[in-house]
Amino acid sequence: MGRGGHKRTKRGTAKANYWLMKSEPSAFSIQDLQRAPRQTTCWDGVRNYQARNFMRAMAVGDQIFFYHSNAEPPAIVGIAEVVREAYPDRTAFDPRDSHYDSKSTPEKPLWDMVDIRLVRIFDIPITLTQLRQDAHVKHMELLRKGSRLSVQPVRPEEWRHILTVAAKKPH
């Protein structure tokens, strides 16, 4: 059982896994994902070992909250899903790329990426302030003091609660 409460079986089947992935909208927004061919893209450039390991734990069909960080306001803005499991991040091999890592080679890759596809954009984003005020998600990794991971697990109960919040219509 992983940190996010996720368990895989030997046959590769699994109950649903849930994640949160952060992106600065100025670098890549959920609208950029919406405009991408087949509303699908690779999630590259992760250069933190723990975040990389979370991506390595992802399976096709896992659900992802898409979070706009360094935004006003920072917020969960929609849902994506994993459509290709972890594979070597080719940006690490390209010296011209901002994510280049000279220690990572095609023969011994250090960094991985996954492919994700848009599921939906929330009508109303769920802001960081809202999440901090919600006792149902008080233990969420996103809210942990000092947590800066760009890829992190979401517990199933947190996932369900946030979907309930997202479904509520404003008054």
Protein backbone atom coordinates (compact mmCIF):
# COMPACT_ATOMS: atom_id res chain seq x y z
CA MET A 1 0.00 0.00 0.00
CA GLY A 2 1.46 3.35 -1.03
CA ARG A 3 1.51 6.65 0.75
CA GLY A 4 -1.69 7.73 -0.94
CA GLY A 5 -3.52 4.59 0.18
CA HIS A 6 -3.28 2.95 -3.24
CA LYS A 7 -2.83 -0.78 -3.70
CA ARG A 8 -1.90 -2.66 -6.84
CA THR A 9 -2.57 -6.33 -7.42
CA LYS A 10 -0.15 -8.81 -8.98
CA ARG A 11 -2.09 -8.98 -12.24
CA GLY A 12 -1.68 -5.27 -12.86
CA THR A 13 -5.29 -4.47 -12.08
CA ALA A 14 -5.79 -1.91 -9.40
CA LYS A 15 -8.39 0.05 -7.65
CA ALA A 16 -8.44 3.67 -8.72
CA ASN A 17 -5.42 5.79 -7.90
CA TYR A 18 -5.74 9.52 -7.56
CA TRP A 19 -3.13 12.21 -7.98
CA LEU A 20 -2.66 15.96 -8.11
CA MET A 21 -0.30 17.52 -10.65
CA LYS A 22 0.74 21.15 -10.42
CA SER A 23 1.48 23.41 -13.33
CA GLU A 24 1.98 27.13 -13.59
CA PRO A 25 -0.64 28.33 -16.08
CA SER A 26 1.95 30.60 -17.71
CA ALA A 27 3.99 27.46 -18.55
CA PHE A 28 1.16 24.99 -19.29
CA SER A 29 -2.48 25.50 -18.33
CA ILE A 30 -5.48 23.23 -18.42
CA GLN A 31 -6.61 25.28 -21.43
CA ASP A 32 -3.33 24.33 -23.14
CA LEU A 33 -4.20 20.70 -22.45
CA GLN A 34 -7.65 21.31 -23.90
CA ARG A 35 -6.06 22.65 -27.11
CA ALA A 36 -3.50 19.84 -27.41
CA PRO A 37 -4.02 17.18 -30.09
CA ARG A 38 -6.56 14.68 -28.73
CA GLN A 39 -6.47 16.80 -25.52
CA THR A 40 -3.42 14.74 -24.58
CA THR A 41 0.16 15.62 -23.68
CA CYS A 42 3.24 14.25 -22.00
CA TRP A 43 3.95 15.50 -18.48
CA ASP A 44 7.68 16.14 -18.64
CA GLY A 45 10.26 18.17 -16.77
CA VAL A 46 9.73 16.70 -13.29
CA ARG A 47 13.09 16.89 -11.53
CA ASN A 48 12.26 15.77 -8.02
CA TYR A 49 12.86 12.11 -7.14
CA GLN A 50 9.77 11.72 -4.96
CA ALA A 51 7.51 13.29 -7.61
CA ARG A 52 9.16 11.09 -10.26
CA ASN A 53 8.52 8.01 -8.13
CA PHE A 54 4.86 8.97 -7.83
CA MET A 55 4.69 9.18 -11.62
CA ARG A 56 6.31 5.74 -11.83
CA ALA A 57 3.46 4.43 -9.64
CA MET A 58 0.78 5.79 -11.99
CA ALA A 59 -1.26 3.41 -14.12
CA VAL A 60 -3.37 3.98 -17.21
CA GLY A 61 -6.77 5.19 -16.05
CA ASP A 62 -5.54 6.84 -12.85
CA GLN A 63 -7.30 10.15 -12.26
CA ILE A 64 -5.52 13.46 -11.72
CA PHE A 65 -6.56 16.81 -10.30
CA PHE A 66 -4.99 19.48 -12.51
CA TYR A 67 -3.79 22.29 -10.24
CA HIS A 68 -2.78 25.77 -11.32
CA SER A 69 0.07 26.86 -9.07
CA ASN A 70 1.62 30.32 -8.98
CA ALA A 71 -1.74 31.62 -10.18
CA GLU A 72 -4.20 34.10 -8.77
CA PRO A 73 -5.76 32.27 -7.09
CA PRO A 74 -4.00 28.90 -7.02
CA ALA A 75 -6.68 26.26 -7.59
CA ILE A 76 -7.72 22.81 -8.73
CA VAL A 77 -9.10 23.61 -12.16
CA GLY A 78 -10.09 20.23 -13.57
CA ILE A 79 -9.41 16.55 -14.07
CA ALA A 80 -7.09 14.60 -16.35
CA GLU A 81 -6.30 10.91 -16.59
CA VAL A 82 -3.17 8.87 -17.21
CA VAL A 83 -3.16 7.42 -20.74
CA ARG A 84 0.46 6.21 -20.85
CA GLU A 85 2.50 4.97 -17.93
CA ALA A 86 5.96 6.28 -17.04
CA TYR A 87 8.66 6.25 -19.70
CA PRO A 88 12.01 8.09 -20.01
CA ASP A 89 11.72 11.87 -20.15
CA ARG A 90 13.52 12.78 -23.37
CA THR A 91 13.85 16.45 -22.33
CA ALA A 92 16.54 15.35 -19.88
CA PHE A 93 18.75 14.25 -22.80
CA ASP A 94 18.59 17.49 -24.80
CA PRO A 95 21.22 20.10 -23.83
CA ARG A 96 19.08 22.80 -25.47
CA ASP A 97 16.07 21.99 -23.27
CA SER A 98 15.53 23.82 -19.97
CA HIS A 99 14.96 20.41 -18.29
CA TYR A 100 18.30 18.97 -19.47
CA ASP A 101 20.20 16.82 -16.96
CA SER A 102 23.69 15.75 -17.99
CA LYS A 103 23.55 12.79 -15.56
CA SER A 104 20.53 11.31 -17.33
CA THR A 105 21.22 9.37 -20.53
CA PRO A 106 19.05 7.27 -22.85
CA GLU A 107 20.98 4.22 -21.59
CA LYS A 108 20.47 5.19 -17.92
CA PRO A 109 17.54 7.58 -17.69
CA LEU A 110 16.98 9.25 -14.33
CA TRP A 111 13.72 11.01 -15.14
CA ASP A 112 10.37 9.83 -16.41
CA MET A 113 7.20 11.33 -17.79
CA VAL A 114 3.63 10.12 -18.26
CA ASP A 115 0.99 11.03 -20.82
CA ILE A 116 -2.24 12.56 -19.62
CA ARG A 117 -5.55 13.41 -21.28
CA LEU A 118 -8.10 16.01 -20.27
CA VAL A 119 -11.27 14.66 -18.67
CA ARG A 120 -12.95 17.93 -17.75
CA ILE A 121 -12.45 21.53 -16.73
CA PHE A 122 -14.32 22.64 -13.62
CA ASP A 123 -16.90 25.36 -14.13
CA ILE A 124 -15.59 27.00 -10.96
CA PRO A 125 -12.03 26.27 -9.78
CA ILE A 126 -11.56 25.03 -6.21
CA THR A 127 -9.13 27.49 -4.68
CA LEU A 128 -6.33 26.77 -2.27
CA THR A 129 -8.10 29.01 0.25
CA GLN A 130 -11.27 26.89 -0.02
CA LEU A 131 -9.26 23.72 0.46
CA ARG A 132 -7.49 25.12 3.54
CA GLN A 133 -10.88 25.94 5.08
CA ASP A 134 -12.32 22.47 4.41
CA ALA A 135 -11.90 20.03 7.32
CA HIS A 136 -12.58 17.06 5.00
CA VAL A 137 -9.23 17.55 3.24
CA LYS A 138 -7.12 18.93 6.09
CA HIS A 139 -4.55 16.12 5.70
CA MET A 140 -4.20 16.50 1.94
CA GLU A 141 -0.56 16.55 0.78
CA LEU A 142 -1.16 19.84 -1.03
CA LEU A 143 -1.98 21.50 2.30
CA ARG A 144 0.94 20.09 4.26
CA LYS A 145 3.30 22.83 5.42
CA GLY A 146 6.39 22.88 3.21
CA SER A 147 4.91 20.57 0.57
CA ARG A 148 6.11 21.65 -2.85
CA LEU A 149 5.81 18.43 -4.85
CA SER A 150 4.52 18.95 -8.36
CA VAL A 151 3.12 15.39 -8.43
CA GLN A 152 1.47 14.01 -5.32
CA PRO A 153 -1.03 11.38 -4.23
CA VAL A 154 -4.61 12.17 -3.29
CA ARG A 155 -6.47 9.86 -0.92
CA PRO A 156 -9.70 8.34 -2.29
CA GLU A 157 -11.81 10.08 0.36
CA GLU A 158 -10.20 13.44 -0.53
CA TRP A 159 -10.87 12.78 -4.23
CA ARG A 160 -14.55 12.00 -3.60
CA HIS A 161 -15.02 15.04 -1.37
CA ILE A 162 -13.41 17.44 -3.85
CA LEU A 163 -15.62 16.05 -6.64
CA THR A 164 -18.64 16.76 -4.44
CA VAL A 165 -17.44 20.33 -3.90
CA ALA A 166 -16.83 20.75 -7.64
CA ALA A 167 -20.37 19.54 -8.42
CA LYS A 168 -22.03 22.17 -6.22
CA LYS A 169 -23.49 25.08 -8.14
CA PRO A 170 -22.80 28.62 -6.92
CA HIS A 171 -25.71 30.52 -5.40
